Amino acid sequence: MSTQRKINDILEGLEVVSENALTKHGFSRSRQRIFDLSKSLRKTWTQYCAIDNINSDKRMIYFVIAQSTNGLKVNTITRRTGLPKGVVRDWLHVLFREEKVISAKLYKEKGMIRDIRYHVKK
């Protein structure tokens, strides 16, 4: 069982127990504080998981580009990572701003940019 699953189960148990304590035994400040704490813990944990998922997408794109030797186009990165094309473009832009990824060559056709290949900055 993964750590993330264990924490989800613990938080769910805490929410259920604190809610049952409020409904069965009535209101008290300590029961209410525990109930509020369980709700805020769940909210914080959900936000952390979302941030972790976002950063894992970024790390995956960076890893795929780093493992290639020739540089990759957006379509190739999309196929290799399995992520949507919009997500790949956004994270490439972020990695480019952080100066971890560089675009090596711009291939032009009739004055328009046709192809951009990405490399990891060494």
N, C-alpha and C. Protein backbone atom coordinates (compact mmCIF):
# COMPACT_ATOMS: atom_id res chain seq x y z
N MET A 1 0.85 -1.18 0.00
CA MET A 1 0.00 0.00 0.00
C MET A 1 0.90 1.24 0.00
N SER A 2 0.59 2.17 -0.86
CA SER A 2 1.42 3.36 -0.98
C SER A 2 1.19 4.32 0.19
N THR A 3 2.15 5.15 0.41
CA THR A 3 2.05 6.13 1.49
C THR A 3 0.89 7.09 1.26
N GLN A 4 0.70 7.48 0.02
CA GLN A 4 -0.39 8.40 -0.30
C GLN A 4 -1.75 7.77 0.04
N ARG A 5 -1.89 6.50 -0.26
CA ARG A 5 -3.14 5.79 0.04
C ARG A 5 -3.36 5.68 1.55
N LYS A 6 -2.27 5.42 2.29
CA LYS A 6 -2.38 5.33 3.75
C LYS A 6 -2.83 6.65 4.36
N ILE A 7 -2.24 7.73 3.89
CA ILE A 7 -2.62 9.05 4.42
C ILE A 7 -4.07 9.37 4.08
N ASN A 8 -4.49 9.02 2.85
CA ASN A 8 -5.90 9.23 2.48
C ASN A 8 -6.83 8.45 3.41
N ASP A 9 -6.48 7.21 3.72
CA ASP A 9 -7.31 6.40 4.61
C ASP A 9 -7.35 6.97 6.02
N ILE A 10 -6.22 7.44 6.52
CA ILE A 10 -6.17 8.03 7.87
C ILE A 10 -7.04 9.28 7.94
N LEU A 11 -6.93 10.14 6.94
CA LEU A 11 -7.73 11.37 6.92
C LEU A 11 -9.22 11.07 6.80
N GLU A 12 -9.55 10.09 6.00
CA GLU A 12 -10.96 9.71 5.87
C GLU A 12 -11.50 9.17 7.20
N GLY A 13 -10.71 8.35 7.87
CA GLY A 13 -11.12 7.83 9.18
C GLY A 13 -11.30 8.94 10.20
N LEU A 14 -10.39 9.90 10.20
CA LEU A 14 -10.48 11.03 11.12
C LEU A 14 -11.74 11.85 10.87
N GLU A 15 -12.07 12.06 9.59
CA GLU A 15 -13.29 12.81 9.26
C GLU A 15 -14.54 12.07 9.74
N VAL A 16 -14.58 10.76 9.50
CA VAL A 16 -15.75 9.97 9.89
C VAL A 16 -15.92 9.96 11.40
N VAL A 17 -14.83 9.72 12.12
CA VAL A 17 -14.90 9.65 13.58
C VAL A 17 -15.30 10.99 14.18
N SER A 18 -14.72 12.08 13.68
CA SER A 18 -15.05 13.39 14.24
C SER A 18 -16.49 13.79 13.91
N GLU A 19 -16.97 13.42 12.73
CA GLU A 19 -18.36 13.72 12.38
C GLU A 19 -19.33 12.91 13.23
N ASN A 20 -19.01 11.63 13.44
CA ASN A 20 -19.86 10.80 14.31
C ASN A 20 -19.88 11.32 15.74
N ALA A 21 -18.75 11.78 16.22
CA ALA A 21 -18.70 12.31 17.59
C ALA A 21 -19.59 13.53 17.74
N LEU A 22 -19.61 14.39 16.73
CA LEU A 22 -20.46 15.58 16.78
C LEU A 22 -21.94 15.20 16.73
N THR A 23 -22.29 14.27 15.87
CA THR A 23 -23.71 13.95 15.72
C THR A 23 -24.24 13.11 16.88
N LYS A 24 -23.46 12.18 17.38
CA LYS A 24 -23.94 11.29 18.44
C LYS A 24 -23.87 11.91 19.83
N HIS A 25 -22.79 12.64 20.10
CA HIS A 25 -22.57 13.12 21.47
C HIS A 25 -22.83 14.61 21.65
N GLY A 26 -23.22 15.27 20.59
CA GLY A 26 -23.55 16.69 20.71
C GLY A 26 -22.35 17.59 20.54
N PHE A 27 -22.63 18.86 20.60
CA PHE A 27 -21.61 19.87 20.35
C PHE A 27 -20.74 20.09 21.59
N SER A 28 -19.45 20.17 21.34
CA SER A 28 -18.50 20.67 22.32
C SER A 28 -17.38 21.34 21.53
N ARG A 29 -16.66 22.25 22.18
CA ARG A 29 -15.61 22.97 21.47
C ARG A 29 -14.53 22.04 20.96
N SER A 30 -14.14 21.06 21.78
CA SER A 30 -13.06 20.16 21.38
C SER A 30 -13.49 19.28 20.20
N ARG A 31 -14.73 18.78 20.22
CA ARG A 31 -15.22 17.98 19.10
C ARG A 31 -15.30 18.82 17.83
N GLN A 32 -15.74 20.06 17.99
CA GLN A 32 -15.84 20.94 16.83
C GLN A 32 -14.45 21.26 16.27
N ARG A 33 -13.47 21.49 17.15
CA ARG A 33 -12.11 21.78 16.70
C ARG A 33 -11.51 20.58 15.96
N ILE A 34 -11.73 19.38 16.46
CA ILE A 34 -11.22 18.19 15.78
C ILE A 34 -11.89 18.01 14.43
N PHE A 35 -13.18 18.28 14.35
CA PHE A 35 -13.89 18.19 13.09
C PHE A 35 -13.34 19.22 12.09
N ASP A 36 -13.16 20.45 12.53
CA ASP A 36 -12.59 21.49 11.65
C ASP A 36 -11.17 21.14 11.23
N LEU A 37 -10.40 20.59 12.14
CA LEU A 37 -9.03 20.18 11.83
C LEU A 37 -9.03 19.09 10.76
N SER A 38 -9.92 18.13 10.87
CA SER A 38 -9.96 17.06 9.88
C SER A 38 -10.32 17.61 8.49
N LYS A 39 -11.23 18.57 8.45
CA LYS A 39 -11.61 19.18 7.16
C LYS A 39 -10.44 19.98 6.56
N SER A 40 -9.73 20.74 7.40
CA SER A 40 -8.61 21.52 6.88
C SER A 40 -7.44 20.62 6.48
N LEU A 41 -7.23 19.52 7.20
CA LEU A 41 -6.20 18.57 6.80
C LEU A 41 -6.52 17.94 5.45
N ARG A 42 -7.77 17.59 5.24
CA ARG A 42 -8.18 17.01 3.95
C ARG A 42 -7.96 18.00 2.82
N LYS A 43 -8.32 19.25 3.04
CA LYS A 43 -8.15 20.28 2.02
C LYS A 43 -6.68 20.48 1.70
N THR A 44 -5.84 20.56 2.73
CA THR A 44 -4.40 20.74 2.53
C THR A 44 -3.80 19.55 1.80
N TRP A 45 -4.19 18.35 2.18
CA TRP A 45 -3.67 17.15 1.54
C TRP A 45 -4.08 17.08 0.08
N THR A 46 -5.30 17.47 -0.23
CA THR A 46 -5.76 17.48 -1.62
C THR A 46 -4.95 18.47 -2.45
N GLN A 47 -4.67 19.64 -1.90
CA GLN A 47 -3.86 20.63 -2.61
C GLN A 47 -2.43 20.12 -2.82
N TYR A 48 -1.88 19.46 -1.80
CA TYR A 48 -0.53 18.91 -1.92
C TYR A 48 -0.47 17.86 -3.02
N CYS A 49 -1.48 16.97 -3.06
CA CYS A 49 -1.51 15.93 -4.09
C CYS A 49 -1.61 16.55 -5.48
N ALA A 50 -2.40 17.61 -5.62
CA ALA A 50 -2.53 18.27 -6.92
C ALA A 50 -1.21 18.89 -7.34
N ILE A 51 -0.51 19.53 -6.43
CA ILE A 51 0.79 20.13 -6.74
C ILE A 51 1.79 19.04 -7.10
N ASP A 52 1.77 17.93 -6.38
CA ASP A 52 2.68 16.83 -6.66
C ASP A 52 2.42 16.24 -8.03
N ASN A 53 1.15 16.09 -8.42
CA ASN A 53 0.82 15.59 -9.75
C ASN A 53 1.31 16.54 -10.83
N ILE A 54 1.14 17.82 -10.62
CA ILE A 54 1.60 18.81 -11.59
C ILE A 54 3.11 18.73 -11.76
N ASN A 55 3.83 18.68 -10.64
CA ASN A 55 5.29 18.61 -10.73
C ASN A 55 5.78 17.30 -11.31
N SER A 56 5.02 16.22 -11.12
CA SER A 56 5.44 14.95 -11.72
C SER A 56 5.33 15.03 -13.24
N ASP A 57 4.32 15.74 -13.78
CA ASP A 57 4.23 15.94 -15.23
C ASP A 57 5.45 16.69 -15.72
N LYS A 58 5.84 17.73 -15.00
CA LYS A 58 6.99 18.53 -15.39
C LYS A 58 8.26 17.69 -15.37
N ARG A 59 8.44 16.89 -14.31
CA ARG A 59 9.63 16.03 -14.21
C ARG A 59 9.65 14.99 -15.32
N MET A 60 8.47 14.47 -15.68
CA MET A 60 8.40 13.46 -16.73
C MET A 60 8.83 14.04 -18.07
N ILE A 61 8.36 15.24 -18.39
CA ILE A 61 8.73 15.88 -19.65
C ILE A 61 10.23 16.17 -19.67
N TYR A 62 10.75 16.66 -18.56
CA TYR A 62 12.18 16.95 -18.48
C TYR A 62 13.00 15.67 -18.66
N PHE A 63 12.56 14.57 -18.05
CA PHE A 63 13.27 13.29 -18.15
C PHE A 63 13.28 12.79 -19.60
N VAL A 64 12.14 12.88 -20.27
CA VAL A 64 12.05 12.41 -21.66
C VAL A 64 12.99 13.22 -22.55
N ILE A 65 13.02 14.52 -22.37
CA ILE A 65 13.90 15.36 -23.18
C ILE A 65 15.36 15.07 -22.85
N ALA A 66 15.68 14.87 -21.57
CA ALA A 66 17.05 14.62 -21.17
C ALA A 66 17.57 13.28 -21.71
N GLN A 67 16.69 12.29 -21.84
CA GLN A 67 17.12 10.98 -22.32
C GLN A 67 17.31 10.93 -23.83
N SER A 68 16.75 11.88 -24.56
CA SER A 68 16.92 11.89 -26.01
C SER A 68 18.24 12.56 -26.34
N THR A 69 18.81 12.17 -27.45
CA THR A 69 20.09 12.76 -27.84
C THR A 69 19.94 13.80 -28.93
N ASN A 70 18.93 13.70 -29.77
CA ASN A 70 18.79 14.58 -30.92
C ASN A 70 17.89 15.77 -30.69
N GLY A 71 17.14 15.76 -29.63
CA GLY A 71 16.12 16.80 -29.44
C GLY A 71 14.78 16.27 -29.94
N LEU A 72 13.73 16.71 -29.32
CA LEU A 72 12.41 16.18 -29.64
C LEU A 72 11.45 17.31 -29.99
N LYS A 73 10.48 16.96 -30.84
CA LYS A 73 9.41 17.88 -31.14
C LYS A 73 8.28 17.66 -30.13
N VAL A 74 7.35 18.60 -30.10
CA VAL A 74 6.24 18.53 -29.15
C VAL A 74 5.42 17.26 -29.36
N ASN A 75 5.16 16.90 -30.61
CA ASN A 75 4.36 15.69 -30.88
C ASN A 75 5.05 14.44 -30.35
N THR A 76 6.37 14.36 -30.48
CA THR A 76 7.10 13.20 -29.98
C THR A 76 7.06 13.14 -28.46
N ILE A 77 7.23 14.28 -27.82
CA ILE A 77 7.16 14.33 -26.35
C ILE A 77 5.76 13.93 -25.89
N THR A 78 4.73 14.39 -26.60
CA THR A 78 3.36 14.04 -26.27
C THR A 78 3.14 12.53 -26.36
N ARG A 79 3.65 11.92 -27.43
CA ARG A 79 3.50 10.47 -27.59
C ARG A 79 4.24 9.71 -26.50
N ARG A 80 5.46 10.14 -26.17
CA ARG A 80 6.27 9.39 -25.20
C ARG A 80 5.78 9.54 -23.77
N THR A 81 5.23 10.70 -23.42
CA THR A 81 4.76 10.90 -22.05
C THR A 81 3.31 10.50 -21.86
N GLY A 82 2.51 10.56 -22.92
CA GLY A 82 1.09 10.25 -22.81
C GLY A 82 0.28 11.41 -22.26
N LEU A 83 0.89 12.57 -22.13
CA LEU A 83 0.20 13.76 -21.62
C LEU A 83 -0.46 14.50 -22.77
N PRO A 84 -1.49 15.30 -22.49
CA PRO A 84 -2.11 16.10 -23.55
C PRO A 84 -1.13 17.13 -24.12
N LYS A 85 -1.34 17.47 -25.37
CA LYS A 85 -0.43 18.38 -26.07
C LYS A 85 -0.36 19.76 -25.40
N GLY A 86 -1.49 20.25 -24.90
CA GLY A 86 -1.49 21.55 -24.22
C GLY A 86 -0.65 21.55 -22.96
N VAL A 87 -0.72 20.46 -22.19
CA VAL A 87 0.09 20.33 -20.97
C VAL A 87 1.57 20.32 -21.33
N VAL A 88 1.92 19.58 -22.37
CA VAL A 88 3.32 19.50 -22.79
C VAL A 88 3.82 20.87 -23.21
N ARG A 89 3.04 21.58 -24.00
CA ARG A 89 3.46 22.93 -24.44
C ARG A 89 3.65 23.88 -23.24
N ASP A 90 2.70 23.83 -22.31
CA ASP A 90 2.80 24.72 -21.14
C ASP A 90 4.05 24.41 -20.33
N TRP A 91 4.32 23.13 -20.06
CA TRP A 91 5.49 22.78 -19.26
C TRP A 91 6.79 23.03 -20.00
N LEU A 92 6.79 22.89 -21.32
CA LEU A 92 7.98 23.25 -22.09
C LEU A 92 8.26 24.74 -21.97
N HIS A 93 7.19 25.52 -21.99
CA HIS A 93 7.35 26.97 -21.83
C HIS A 93 7.93 27.29 -20.45
N VAL A 94 7.43 26.61 -19.41
CA VAL A 94 7.93 26.83 -18.05
C VAL A 94 9.39 26.40 -17.95
N LEU A 95 9.73 25.24 -18.50
CA LEU A 95 11.11 24.77 -18.46
C LEU A 95 12.03 25.70 -19.26
N PHE A 96 11.52 26.25 -20.36
CA PHE A 96 12.30 27.20 -21.15
C PHE A 96 12.57 28.48 -20.35
N ARG A 97 11.54 28.96 -19.61
CA ARG A 97 11.73 30.15 -18.77
C ARG A 97 12.71 29.90 -17.64
N GLU A 98 12.71 28.67 -17.10
CA GLU A 98 13.64 28.32 -16.03
C GLU A 98 15.03 28.02 -16.56
N GLU A 99 15.21 28.11 -17.87
CA GLU A 99 16.48 27.88 -18.55
C GLU A 99 17.01 26.47 -18.33
N LYS A 100 16.11 25.50 -18.23
CA LYS A 100 16.52 24.11 -18.16
C LYS A 100 16.43 23.45 -19.53
N VAL A 101 15.56 24.00 -20.39
CA VAL A 101 15.36 23.45 -21.72
C VAL A 101 15.61 24.57 -22.72
N ILE A 102 16.28 24.22 -23.80
CA ILE A 102 16.49 25.20 -24.86
C ILE A 102 15.90 24.66 -26.15
N SER A 103 15.44 25.54 -26.99
CA SER A 103 15.01 25.13 -28.31
C SER A 103 16.23 25.25 -29.22
N ALA A 104 16.61 24.16 -29.83
CA ALA A 104 17.85 24.12 -30.58
C ALA A 104 17.72 24.74 -31.96
N LYS A 105 16.73 24.32 -32.71
CA LYS A 105 16.61 24.80 -34.08
C LYS A 105 15.17 25.16 -34.37
N LEU A 106 15.02 26.24 -35.08
CA LEU A 106 13.71 26.62 -35.59
C LEU A 106 13.75 26.37 -37.09
N TYR A 107 12.94 25.47 -37.58
CA TYR A 107 12.87 25.20 -39.01
C TYR A 107 11.75 26.05 -39.58
N LYS A 108 12.11 26.87 -40.56
CA LYS A 108 11.12 27.78 -41.13
C LYS A 108 10.71 27.30 -42.52
N GLU A 109 9.45 27.53 -42.80
CA GLU A 109 8.92 27.19 -44.10
C GLU A 109 7.99 28.31 -44.53
N LYS A 110 8.32 29.00 -45.61
CA LYS A 110 7.54 30.14 -46.12
C LYS A 110 7.39 31.23 -45.06
N GLY A 111 8.47 31.49 -44.34
CA GLY A 111 8.46 32.57 -43.36
C GLY A 111 7.80 32.23 -42.04
N MET A 112 7.22 31.05 -41.90
CA MET A 112 6.55 30.65 -40.66
C MET A 112 7.36 29.55 -39.98
N ILE A 113 7.34 29.57 -38.67
CA ILE A 113 8.04 28.53 -37.92
C ILE A 113 7.28 27.22 -38.08
N ARG A 114 7.96 26.21 -38.58
CA ARG A 114 7.32 24.93 -38.83
C ARG A 114 7.63 23.92 -37.74
N ASP A 115 8.83 23.98 -37.21
CA ASP A 115 9.25 22.93 -36.31
C ASP A 115 10.22 23.49 -35.27
N ILE A 116 10.03 23.10 -34.03
CA ILE A 116 10.93 23.48 -32.95
C ILE A 116 11.36 22.20 -32.26
N ARG A 117 12.65 22.03 -32.08
CA ARG A 117 13.16 20.86 -31.36
C ARG A 117 13.72 21.33 -30.03
N TYR A 118 13.49 20.55 -28.99
CA TYR A 118 13.89 20.93 -27.64
C TYR A 118 15.03 20.04 -27.15
N HIS A 119 15.97 20.66 -26.47
CA HIS A 119 17.11 19.97 -25.87
C HIS A 119 17.22 20.42 -24.41
N VAL A 120 17.86 19.60 -23.60
CA VAL A 120 18.16 19.95 -22.23
C VAL A 120 19.44 20.76 -22.22
N LYS A 121 19.44 21.83 -21.45
CA LYS A 121 20.64 22.67 -21.33
C LYS A 121 21.67 21.94 -20.48
N LYS A 122 22.85 21.81 -21.01
CA LYS A 122 23.91 21.08 -20.29
C LYS A 122 24.83 22.02 -19.57
